[in-house]
Amino acid sequence: MSKFTGELLSYKIIKRPIFTEKANDLLTRNTYVFEVSKDANKFQIRQAIEEIFGVKVTKVNTSNYLGKTRRVRKQAGKTPDWKKAMITVAQGQVIPLFEGM
């Protein structure tokens, strides 16, 4: 059973775009970078991007990142784990969110 059910499914999967130097270099290869839900698989990510932005996705690569241990005085804590998706879209298509970058 999928964790992602109900309305606004795509917006639960795609959390936010990532704007870094490396992500900007990937824009020349029609590759866009997003932070996505840890529980989402590549098929769900592909469907969400195609539904939200109306583009044809050709490839989805994902990376899982473990949170780092942080300390404030004696109190130890951890930043949250997260997942990054690199989305390659069909030649000639663009995601409007990234235009002008």
PDB file of N, CA and C in Angstrom:
ATOM      1  N   MET A   1       0.843  -1.177   0.000  1.00  0.00           N
ATOM      2  CA  MET A   1       0.000   0.000   0.000  1.00  0.00           C
ATOM      3  C   MET A   1       0.891   1.244   0.000  1.00  0.00           C
ATOM      4  N   SER A   2       0.567   2.180  -0.847  1.00  0.00           N
ATOM      5  CA  SER A   2       1.374   3.379  -0.989  1.00  0.00           C
ATOM      6  C   SER A   2       1.091   4.373   0.131  1.00  0.00           C
ATOM      7  N   LYS A   3       2.157   5.022   0.576  1.00  0.00           N
ATOM      8  CA  LYS A   3       2.011   6.067   1.591  1.00  0.00           C
ATOM      9  C   LYS A   3       1.365   7.308   0.986  1.00  0.00           C
ATOM     10  N   PHE A   4       1.493   7.461  -0.326  1.00  0.00           N
ATOM     11  CA  PHE A   4       1.019   8.648  -1.012  1.00  0.00           C
ATOM     12  C   PHE A   4      -0.356   8.375  -1.610  1.00  0.00           C
ATOM     13  N   THR A   5      -1.392   8.798  -0.909  1.00  0.00           N
ATOM     14  CA  THR A   5      -2.748   8.622  -1.410  1.00  0.00           C
ATOM     15  C   THR A   5      -3.511   9.924  -1.263  1.00  0.00           C
ATOM     16  N   GLY A   6      -4.580  10.052  -2.007  1.00  0.00           N
ATOM     17  CA  GLY A   6      -5.424  11.228  -1.883  1.00  0.00           C
ATOM     18  C   GLY A   6      -5.032  12.344  -2.820  1.00  0.00           C
ATOM     19  N   GLU A   7      -5.622  13.512  -2.578  1.00  0.00           N
ATOM     20  CA  GLU A   7      -5.380  14.672  -3.418  1.00  0.00           C
ATOM     21  C   GLU A   7      -3.975  15.220  -3.206  1.00  0.00           C
ATOM     22  N   LEU A   8      -3.514  15.945  -4.198  1.00  0.00           N
ATOM     23  CA  LEU A   8      -2.209  16.606  -4.168  1.00  0.00           C
ATOM     24  C   LEU A   8      -1.071  15.623  -3.940  1.00  0.00           C
ATOM     25  N   LEU A   9      -1.207  14.426  -4.495  1.00  0.00           N
ATOM     26  CA  LEU A   9      -0.198  13.388  -4.360  1.00  0.00           C
ATOM     27  C   LEU A   9       1.164  13.867  -4.855  1.00  0.00           C
ATOM     28  N   SER A  10       1.192  14.506  -6.011  1.00  0.00           N
ATOM     29  CA  SER A  10       2.450  14.937  -6.608  1.00  0.00           C
ATOM     30  C   SER A  10       3.171  15.955  -5.743  1.00  0.00           C
ATOM     31  N   TYR A  11       2.407  16.804  -5.060  1.00  0.00           N
ATOM     32  CA  TYR A  11       3.025  17.837  -4.239  1.00  0.00           C
ATOM     33  C   TYR A  11       3.550  17.276  -2.924  1.00  0.00           C
ATOM     34  N   LYS A  12       3.145  16.080  -2.538  1.00  0.00           N
ATOM     35  CA  LYS A  12       3.716  15.421  -1.367  1.00  0.00           C
ATOM     36  C   LYS A  12       5.037  14.753  -1.724  1.00  0.00           C
ATOM     37  N   ILE A  13       5.189  14.348  -2.977  1.00  0.00           N
ATOM     38  CA  ILE A  13       6.402  13.660  -3.421  1.00  0.00           C
ATOM     39  C   ILE A  13       7.518  14.664  -3.690  1.00  0.00           C
ATOM     40  N   ILE A  14       7.228  15.717  -4.461  1.00  0.00           N
ATOM     41  CA  ILE A  14       8.233  16.725  -4.812  1.00  0.00           C
ATOM     42  C   ILE A  14       8.210  17.801  -3.738  1.00  0.00           C
ATOM     43  N   LYS A  15       9.302  17.919  -2.971  1.00  0.00           N
ATOM     44  CA  LYS A  15       9.327  18.886  -1.871  1.00  0.00           C
ATOM     45  C   LYS A  15       9.775  20.270  -2.323  1.00  0.00           C
ATOM     46  N   ARG A  16      10.942  20.349  -2.988  1.00  0.00           N
ATOM     47  CA  ARG A  16      11.454  21.658  -3.396  1.00  0.00           C
ATOM     48  C   ARG A  16      12.548  21.471  -4.437  1.00  0.00           C
ATOM     49  N   PRO A  17      12.791  22.482  -5.268  1.00  0.00           N
ATOM     50  CA  PRO A  17      13.920  22.421  -6.196  1.00  0.00           C
ATOM     51  C   PRO A  17      15.216  22.738  -5.457  1.00  0.00           C
ATOM     52  N   ILE A  18      16.313  22.259  -6.001  1.00  0.00           N
ATOM     53  CA  ILE A  18      17.628  22.519  -5.414  1.00  0.00           C
ATOM     54  C   ILE A  18      18.403  23.401  -6.382  1.00  0.00           C
ATOM     55  N   PHE A  19      18.829  24.570  -5.915  1.00  0.00           N
ATOM     56  CA  PHE A  19      19.595  25.514  -6.714  1.00  0.00           C
ATOM     57  C   PHE A  19      21.014  25.597  -6.164  1.00  0.00           C
ATOM     58  N   THR A  20      21.936  24.865  -6.752  1.00  0.00           N
ATOM     59  CA  THR A  20      23.346  24.918  -6.383  1.00  0.00           C
ATOM     60  C   THR A  20      24.158  25.099  -7.662  1.00  0.00           C
ATOM     61  N   GLU A  21      25.461  25.304  -7.520  1.00  0.00           N
ATOM     62  CA  GLU A  21      26.306  25.449  -8.704  1.00  0.00           C
ATOM     63  C   GLU A  21      26.280  24.186  -9.551  1.00  0.00           C
ATOM     64  N   LYS A  22      26.373  23.043  -8.900  1.00  0.00           N
ATOM     65  CA  LYS A  22      26.364  21.781  -9.635  1.00  0.00           C
ATOM     66  C   LYS A  22      25.018  21.565 -10.326  1.00  0.00           C
ATOM     67  N   ALA A  23      23.924  21.915  -9.645  1.00  0.00           N
ATOM     68  CA  ALA A  23      22.595  21.782 -10.250  1.00  0.00           C
ATOM     69  C   ALA A  23      22.456  22.721 -11.446  1.00  0.00           C
ATOM     70  N   ASN A  24      23.022  23.925 -11.360  1.00  0.00           N
ATOM     71  CA  ASN A  24      22.968  24.862 -12.479  1.00  0.00           C
ATOM     72  C   ASN A  24      23.777  24.355 -13.666  1.00  0.00           C
ATOM     73  N   ASP A  25      24.894  23.669 -13.427  1.00  0.00           N
ATOM     74  CA  ASP A  25      25.672  23.080 -14.516  1.00  0.00           C
ATOM     75  C   ASP A  25      24.881  21.974 -15.212  1.00  0.00           C
ATOM     76  N   LEU A  26      24.075  21.241 -14.459  1.00  0.00           N
ATOM     77  CA  LEU A  26      23.275  20.160 -15.038  1.00  0.00           C
ATOM     78  C   LEU A  26      22.141  20.685 -15.915  1.00  0.00           C
ATOM     79  N   LEU A  27      21.751  21.945 -15.743  1.00  0.00           N
ATOM     80  CA  LEU A  27      20.674  22.517 -16.554  1.00  0.00           C
ATOM     81  C   LEU A  27      21.018  22.502 -18.038  1.00  0.00           C
ATOM     82  N   THR A  28      22.307  22.584 -18.378  1.00  0.00           N
ATOM     83  CA  THR A  28      22.711  22.560 -19.786  1.00  0.00           C
ATOM     84  C   THR A  28      22.459  21.193 -20.411  1.00  0.00           C
ATOM     85  N   ARG A  29      22.314  20.155 -19.587  1.00  0.00           N
ATOM     86  CA  ARG A  29      22.035  18.797 -20.073  1.00  0.00           C
ATOM     87  C   ARG A  29      20.573  18.398 -19.849  1.00  0.00           C
ATOM     88  N   ASN A  30      19.696  19.388 -19.695  1.00  0.00           N
ATOM     89  CA  ASN A  30      18.260  19.147 -19.459  1.00  0.00           C
ATOM     90  C   ASN A  30      18.010  18.314 -18.212  1.00  0.00           C
ATOM     91  N   THR A  31      18.841  18.479 -17.195  1.00  0.00           N
ATOM     92  CA  THR A  31      18.686  17.745 -15.941  1.00  0.00           C
ATOM     93  C   THR A  31      18.369  18.736 -14.830  1.00  0.00           C
ATOM     94  N   TYR A  32      17.304  18.448 -14.085  1.00  0.00           N
ATOM     95  CA  TYR A  32      16.837  19.302 -13.001  1.00  0.00           C
ATOM     96  C   TYR A  32      16.938  18.532 -11.693  1.00  0.00           C
ATOM     97  N   VAL A  33      17.217  19.233 -10.595  1.00  0.00           N
ATOM     98  CA  VAL A  33      17.449  18.581  -9.307  1.00  0.00           C
ATOM     99  C   VAL A  33      16.372  19.022  -8.316  1.00  0.00           C
ATOM    100  N   PHE A  34      15.783  18.039  -7.624  1.00  0.00           N
ATOM    101  CA  PHE A  34      14.729  18.288  -6.648  1.00  0.00           C
ATOM    102  C   PHE A  34      15.000  17.497  -5.383  1.00  0.00           C
ATOM    103  N   GLU A  35      14.549  18.041  -4.247  1.00  0.00           N
ATOM    104  CA  GLU A  35      14.466  17.251  -3.027  1.00  0.00           C
ATOM    105  C   GLU A  35      13.103  16.576  -3.052  1.00  0.00           C
ATOM    106  N   VAL A  36      13.097  15.264  -2.812  1.00  0.00           N
ATOM    107  CA  VAL A  36      11.854  14.494  -2.881  1.00  0.00           C
ATOM    108  C   VAL A  36      11.644  13.742  -1.577  1.00  0.00           C
ATOM    109  N   SER A  37      10.456  13.185  -1.420  1.00  0.00           N
ATOM    110  CA  SER A  37      10.139  12.403  -0.232  1.00  0.00           C
ATOM    111  C   SER A  37      11.025  11.161  -0.181  1.00  0.00           C
ATOM    112  N   LYS A  38      11.467  10.802   1.017  1.00  0.00           N
ATOM    113  CA  LYS A  38      12.335   9.635   1.178  1.00  0.00           C
ATOM    114  C   LYS A  38      11.654   8.345   0.760  1.00  0.00           C
ATOM    115  N   ASP A  39      10.338   8.296   0.862  1.00  0.00           N
ATOM    116  CA  ASP A  39       9.603   7.067   0.585  1.00  0.00           C
ATOM    117  C   ASP A  39       9.207   6.917  -0.883  1.00  0.00           C
ATOM    118  N   ALA A  40       9.462   7.915  -1.702  1.00  0.00           N
ATOM    119  CA  ALA A  40       9.045   7.872  -3.107  1.00  0.00           C
ATOM    120  C   ALA A  40      10.040   7.067  -3.935  1.00  0.00           C
ATOM    121  N   ASN A  41       9.509   6.294  -4.896  1.00  0.00           N
ATOM    122  CA  ASN A  41      10.393   5.572  -5.810  1.00  0.00           C
ATOM    123  C   ASN A  41      10.491   6.333  -7.135  1.00  0.00           C
ATOM    124  N   LYS A  42      11.329   5.831  -8.052  1.00  0.00           N
ATOM    125  CA  LYS A  42      11.579   6.548  -9.297  1.00  0.00           C
ATOM    126  C   LYS A  42      10.316   6.686 -10.148  1.00  0.00           C
ATOM    127  N   PHE A  43       9.494   5.662 -10.163  1.00  0.00           N
ATOM    128  CA  PHE A  43       8.263   5.706 -10.950  1.00  0.00           C
ATOM    129  C   PHE A  43       7.325   6.790 -10.429  1.00  0.00           C
ATOM    130  N   GLN A  44       7.174   6.891  -9.106  1.00  0.00           N
ATOM    131  CA  GLN A  44       6.310   7.914  -8.520  1.00  0.00           C
ATOM    132  C   GLN A  44       6.865   9.310  -8.773  1.00  0.00           C
ATOM    133  N   ILE A  45       8.185   9.463  -8.704  1.00  0.00           N
ATOM    134  CA  ILE A  45       8.819  10.759  -8.965  1.00  0.00           C
ATOM    135  C   ILE A  45       8.575  11.168 -10.415  1.00  0.00           C
ATOM    136  N   ARG A  46       8.743  10.231 -11.349  1.00  0.00           N
ATOM    137  CA  ARG A  46       8.509  10.504 -12.770  1.00  0.00           C
ATOM    138  C   ARG A  46       7.065  10.971 -13.001  1.00  0.00           C
ATOM    139  N   GLN A  47       6.106  10.270 -12.430  1.00  0.00           N
ATOM    140  CA  GLN A  47       4.700  10.646 -12.593  1.00  0.00           C
ATOM    141  C   GLN A  47       4.419  12.030 -12.015  1.00  0.00           C
ATOM    142  N   ALA A  48       4.994  12.328 -10.852  1.00  0.00           N
ATOM    143  CA  ALA A  48       4.758  13.620 -10.203  1.00  0.00           C
ATOM    144  C   ALA A  48       5.299  14.768 -11.049  1.00  0.00           C
ATOM    145  N   ILE A  49       6.515  14.628 -11.574  1.00  0.00           N
ATOM    146  CA  ILE A  49       7.116  15.686 -12.396  1.00  0.00           C
ATOM    147  C   ILE A  49       6.300  15.894 -13.666  1.00  0.00           C
ATOM    148  N   GLU A  50       5.902  14.804 -14.313  1.00  0.00           N
ATOM    149  CA  GLU A  50       5.121  14.927 -15.544  1.00  0.00           C
ATOM    150  C   GLU A  50       3.759  15.568 -15.279  1.00  0.00           C
ATOM    151  N   GLU A  51       3.158  15.276 -14.130  1.00  0.00           N
ATOM    152  CA  GLU A  51       1.850  15.845 -13.798  1.00  0.00           C
ATOM    153  C   GLU A  51       1.948  17.324 -13.435  1.00  0.00           C
ATOM    154  N   ILE A  52       2.937  17.688 -12.629  1.00  0.00           N
ATOM    155  CA  ILE A  52       3.055  19.074 -12.160  1.00  0.00           C
ATOM    156  C   ILE A  52       3.502  20.008 -13.282  1.00  0.00           C
ATOM    157  N   PHE A  53       4.556  19.621 -14.017  1.00  0.00           N
ATOM    158  CA  PHE A  53       5.172  20.533 -14.980  1.00  0.00           C
ATOM    159  C   PHE A  53       4.793  20.255 -16.431  1.00  0.00           C
ATOM    160  N   GLY A  54       4.155  19.117 -16.716  1.00  0.00           N
ATOM    161  CA  GLY A  54       3.727  18.818 -18.078  1.00  0.00           C
ATOM    162  C   GLY A  54       4.872  18.587 -19.045  1.00  0.00           C
ATOM    163  N   VAL A  55       5.948  17.942 -18.599  1.00  0.00           N
ATOM    164  CA  VAL A  55       7.088  17.633 -19.456  1.00  0.00           C
ATOM    165  C   VAL A  55       7.259  16.118 -19.537  1.00  0.00           C
ATOM    166  N   LYS A  56       7.988  15.652 -20.557  1.00  0.00           N
ATOM    167  CA  LYS A  56       8.269  14.231 -20.722  1.00  0.00           C
ATOM    168  C   LYS A  56       9.593  13.918 -20.039  1.00  0.00           C
ATOM    169  N   VAL A  57       9.565  13.060 -19.025  1.00  0.00           N
ATOM    170  CA  VAL A  57      10.766  12.682 -18.279  1.00  0.00           C
ATOM    171  C   VAL A  57      11.407  11.479 -18.961  1.00  0.00           C
ATOM    172  N   THR A  58      12.708  11.580 -19.260  1.00  0.00           N
ATOM    173  CA  THR A  58      13.407  10.465 -19.898  1.00  0.00           C
ATOM    174  C   THR A  58      14.208   9.634 -18.907  1.00  0.00           C
ATOM    175  N   LYS A  59      14.673  10.260 -17.812  1.00  0.00           N
ATOM    176  CA  LYS A  59      15.493   9.516 -16.855  1.00  0.00           C
ATOM    177  C   LYS A  59      15.343  10.120 -15.469  1.00  0.00           C
ATOM    178  N   VAL A  60      15.371   9.248 -14.440  1.00  0.00           N
ATOM    179  CA  VAL A  60      15.315   9.681 -13.044  1.00  0.00           C
ATOM    180  C   VAL A  60      16.443   8.988 -12.290  1.00  0.00           C
ATOM    181  N   ASN A  61      17.317   9.771 -11.680  1.00  0.00           N
ATOM    182  CA  ASN A  61      18.374   9.242 -10.810  1.00  0.00           C
ATOM    183  C   ASN A  61      18.113   9.754  -9.403  1.00  0.00           C
ATOM    184  N   THR A  62      18.307   8.890  -8.402  1.00  0.00           N
ATOM    185  CA  THR A  62      18.058   9.298  -7.022  1.00  0.00           C
ATOM    186  C   THR A  62      19.275   9.020  -6.154  1.00  0.00           C
ATOM    187  N   SER A  63      19.406   9.805  -5.091  1.00  0.00           N
ATOM    188  CA  SER A  63      20.461   9.620  -4.089  1.00  0.00           C
ATOM    189  C   SER A  63      19.858   9.833  -2.717  1.00  0.00           C
ATOM    190  N   ASN A  64      20.176   8.936  -1.794  1.00  0.00           N
ATOM    191  CA  ASN A  64      19.736   9.075  -0.409  1.00  0.00           C
ATOM    192  C   ASN A  64      20.869   9.671   0.409  1.00  0.00           C
ATOM    193  N   TYR A  65      20.551  10.634   1.253  1.00  0.00           N
ATOM    194  CA  TYR A  65      21.540  11.286   2.097  1.00  0.00           C
ATOM    195  C   TYR A  65      21.168  11.089   3.556  1.00  0.00           C
ATOM    196  N   LEU A  66      22.131  10.655   4.353  1.00  0.00           N
ATOM    197  CA  LEU A  66      21.920  10.499   5.784  1.00  0.00           C
ATOM    198  C   LEU A  66      22.131  11.840   6.465  1.00  0.00           C
ATOM    199  N   GLY A  67      21.344  12.113   7.486  1.00  0.00           N
ATOM    200  CA  GLY A  67      21.492  13.357   8.232  1.00  0.00           C
ATOM    201  C   GLY A  67      22.799  13.381   9.008  1.00  0.00           C
ATOM    202  N   LYS A  68      23.303  14.564   9.223  1.00  0.00           N
ATOM    203  CA  LYS A  68      24.558  14.720   9.955  1.00  0.00           C
ATOM    204  C   LYS A  68      24.285  14.894  11.443  1.00  0.00           C
ATOM    205  N   THR A  69      25.211  14.441  12.255  1.00  0.00           N
ATOM    206  CA  THR A  69      25.111  14.634  13.695  1.00  0.00           C
ATOM    207  C   THR A  69      25.547  16.056  14.018  1.00  0.00           C
ATOM    208  N   ARG A  70      24.742  16.755  14.768  1.00  0.00           N
ATOM    209  CA  ARG A  70      25.038  18.129  15.177  1.00  0.00           C
ATOM    210  C   ARG A  70      24.964  18.210  16.691  1.00  0.00           C
ATOM    211  N   ARG A  71      25.692  19.188  17.243  1.00  0.00           N
ATOM    212  CA  ARG A  71      25.712  19.323  18.691  1.00  0.00           C
ATOM    213  C   ARG A  71      25.593  20.786  19.060  1.00  0.00           C
ATOM    214  N   VAL A  72      24.761  21.065  20.049  1.00  0.00           N
ATOM    215  CA  VAL A  72      24.645  22.397  20.625  1.00  0.00           C
ATOM    216  C   VAL A  72      24.945  22.243  22.104  1.00  0.00           C
ATOM    217  N   ARG A  73      26.107  22.712  22.500  1.00  0.00           N
ATOM    218  CA  ARG A  73      26.626  22.511  23.856  1.00  0.00           C
ATOM    219  C   ARG A  73      26.659  21.024  24.173  1.00  0.00           C
ATOM    220  N   LYS A  74      25.948  20.586  25.203  1.00  0.00           N
ATOM    221  CA  LYS A  74      25.984  19.165  25.545  1.00  0.00           C
ATOM    222  C   LYS A  74      24.919  18.352  24.817  1.00  0.00           C
ATOM    223  N   GLN A  75      23.986  19.023  24.207  1.00  0.00           N
ATOM    224  CA  GLN A  75      22.863  18.343  23.562  1.00  0.00           C
ATOM    225  C   GLN A  75      23.246  17.884  22.152  1.00  0.00           C
ATOM    226  N   ALA A  76      23.185  16.594  21.891  1.00  0.00           N
ATOM    227  CA  ALA A  76      23.485  16.057  20.565  1.00  0.00           C
ATOM    228  C   ALA A  76      22.184  15.836  19.809  1.00  0.00           C
ATOM    229  N   GLY A  77      22.218  16.073  18.528  1.00  0.00           N
ATOM    230  CA  GLY A  77      21.043  15.871  17.694  1.00  0.00           C
ATOM    231  C   GLY A  77      21.466  15.453  16.303  1.00  0.00           C
ATOM    232  N   LYS A  78      20.517  15.380  15.391  1.00  0.00           N
ATOM    233  CA  LYS A  78      20.809  14.931  14.039  1.00  0.00           C
ATOM    234  C   LYS A  78      19.905  15.678  13.065  1.00  0.00           C
ATOM    235  N   THR A  79      20.480  16.107  11.946  1.00  0.00           N
ATOM    236  CA  THR A  79      19.665  16.703  10.904  1.00  0.00           C
ATOM    237  C   THR A  79      18.909  15.583  10.191  1.00  0.00           C
ATOM    238  N   PRO A  80      17.786  15.873   9.572  1.00  0.00           N
ATOM    239  CA  PRO A  80      16.984  14.800   8.972  1.00  0.00           C
ATOM    240  C   PRO A  80      17.643  14.180   7.739  1.00  0.00           C
ATOM    241  N   ASP A  81      17.342  12.896   7.507  1.00  0.00           N
ATOM    242  CA  ASP A  81      17.742  12.231   6.276  1.00  0.00           C
ATOM    243  C   ASP A  81      16.894  12.806   5.141  1.00  0.00           C
ATOM    244  N   TRP A  82      17.430  12.778   3.907  1.00  0.00           N
ATOM    245  CA  TRP A  82      16.674  13.298   2.782  1.00  0.00           C
ATOM    246  C   TRP A  82      17.072  12.591   1.501  1.00  0.00           C
ATOM    247  N   LYS A  83      16.286  12.819   0.459  1.00  0.00           N
ATOM    248  CA  LYS A  83      16.502  12.161  -0.821  1.00  0.00           C
ATOM    249  C   LYS A  83      16.519  13.206  -1.926  1.00  0.00           C
ATOM    250  N   LYS A  84      17.464  13.052  -2.862  1.00  0.00           N
ATOM    251  CA  LYS A  84      17.601  13.979  -3.981  1.00  0.00           C
ATOM    252  C   LYS A  84      17.313  13.226  -5.275  1.00  0.00           C
ATOM    253  N   ALA A  85      16.593  13.869  -6.186  1.00  0.00           N
ATOM    254  CA  ALA A  85      16.298  13.272  -7.488  1.00  0.00           C
ATOM    255  C   ALA A  85      16.816  14.181  -8.590  1.00  0.00           C
ATOM    256  N   MET A  86      17.567  13.591  -9.530  1.00  0.00           N
ATOM    257  CA  MET A  86      18.030  14.296 -10.713  1.00  0.00           C
ATOM    258  C   MET A  86      17.142  13.856 -11.874  1.00  0.00           C
ATOM    259  N   ILE A  87      16.370  14.782 -12.422  1.00  0.00           N
ATOM    260  CA  ILE A  87      15.367  14.498 -13.442  1.00  0.00           C
ATOM    261  C   ILE A  87      15.882  14.980 -14.790  1.00  0.00           C
ATOM    262  N   THR A  88      15.953  14.085 -15.773  1.00  0.00           N
ATOM    263  CA  THR A  88      16.319  14.460 -17.134  1.00  0.00           C
ATOM    264  C   THR A  88      15.050  14.478 -17.972  1.00  0.00           C
ATOM    265  N   VAL A  89      14.804  15.611 -18.638  1.00  0.00           N
ATOM    266  CA  VAL A  89      13.599  15.749 -19.462  1.00  0.00           C
ATOM    267  C   VAL A  89      13.978  15.624 -20.934  1.00  0.00           C
ATOM    268  N   ALA A  90      12.974  15.418 -21.782  1.00  0.00           N
ATOM    269  CA  ALA A  90      13.193  15.245 -23.213  1.00  0.00           C
ATOM    270  C   ALA A  90      13.824  16.499 -23.815  1.00  0.00           C
ATOM    271  N   GLN A  91      14.576  16.293 -24.896  1.00  0.00           N
ATOM    272  CA  GLN A  91      15.260  17.385 -25.574  1.00  0.00           C
ATOM    273  C   GLN A  91      14.254  18.440 -26.029  1.00  0.00           C
ATOM    274  N   GLY A  92      14.555  19.700 -25.759  1.00  0.00           N
ATOM    275  CA  GLY A  92      13.690  20.799 -26.176  1.00  0.00           C
ATOM    276  C   GLY A  92      12.623  21.190 -25.166  1.00  0.00           C
ATOM    277  N   GLN A  93      12.450  20.407 -24.107  1.00  0.00           N
ATOM    278  CA  GLN A  93      11.467  20.742 -23.082  1.00  0.00           C
ATOM    279  C   GLN A  93      12.176  21.359 -21.881  1.00  0.00           C
ATOM    280  N   VAL A  94      11.497  22.288 -21.223  1.00  0.00           N
ATOM    281  CA  VAL A  94      12.065  22.941 -20.046  1.00  0.00           C
ATOM    282  C   VAL A  94      11.021  22.986 -18.941  1.00  0.00           C
ATOM    283  N   ILE A  95      11.507  23.047 -17.715  1.00  0.00           N
ATOM    284  CA  ILE A  95      10.638  23.250 -16.566  1.00  0.00           C
ATOM    285  C   ILE A  95      10.647  24.748 -16.281  1.00  0.00           C
ATOM    286  N   PRO A  96       9.500  25.417 -16.344  1.00  0.00           N
ATOM    287  CA  PRO A  96       9.453  26.881 -16.231  1.00  0.00           C
ATOM    288  C   PRO A  96      10.047  27.425 -14.935  1.00  0.00           C
ATOM    289  N   LEU A  97      10.029  26.646 -13.878  1.00  0.00           N
ATOM    290  CA  LEU A  97      10.552  27.071 -12.585  1.00  0.00           C
ATOM    291  C   LEU A  97      12.033  27.431 -12.670  1.00  0.00           C
ATOM    292  N   PHE A  98      12.765  26.778 -13.588  1.00  0.00           N
ATOM    293  CA  PHE A  98      14.206  26.955 -13.681  1.00  0.00           C
ATOM    294  C   PHE A  98      14.624  27.930 -14.777  1.00  0.00           C
ATOM    295  N   GLU A  99      13.680  28.501 -15.517  1.00  0.00           N
ATOM    296  CA  GLU A  99      14.042  29.436 -16.579  1.00  0.00           C
ATOM    297  C   GLU A  99      14.671  30.683 -15.989  1.00  0.00           C
ATOM    298  N   GLY A 100      15.692  31.195 -16.663  1.00  0.00           N
ATOM    299  CA  GLY A 100      16.367  32.396 -16.206  1.00  0.00           C
ATOM    300  C   GLY A 100      17.433  32.136 -15.161  1.00  0.00           C
ATOM    301  N   MET A 101      17.750  30.885 -14.911  1.00  0.00           N
ATOM    302  CA  MET A 101      18.792  30.556 -13.925  1.00  0.00           C
ATOM    303  C   MET A 101      20.144  30.574 -14.596  1.00  0.00           C
TER     304      MET A 101
END
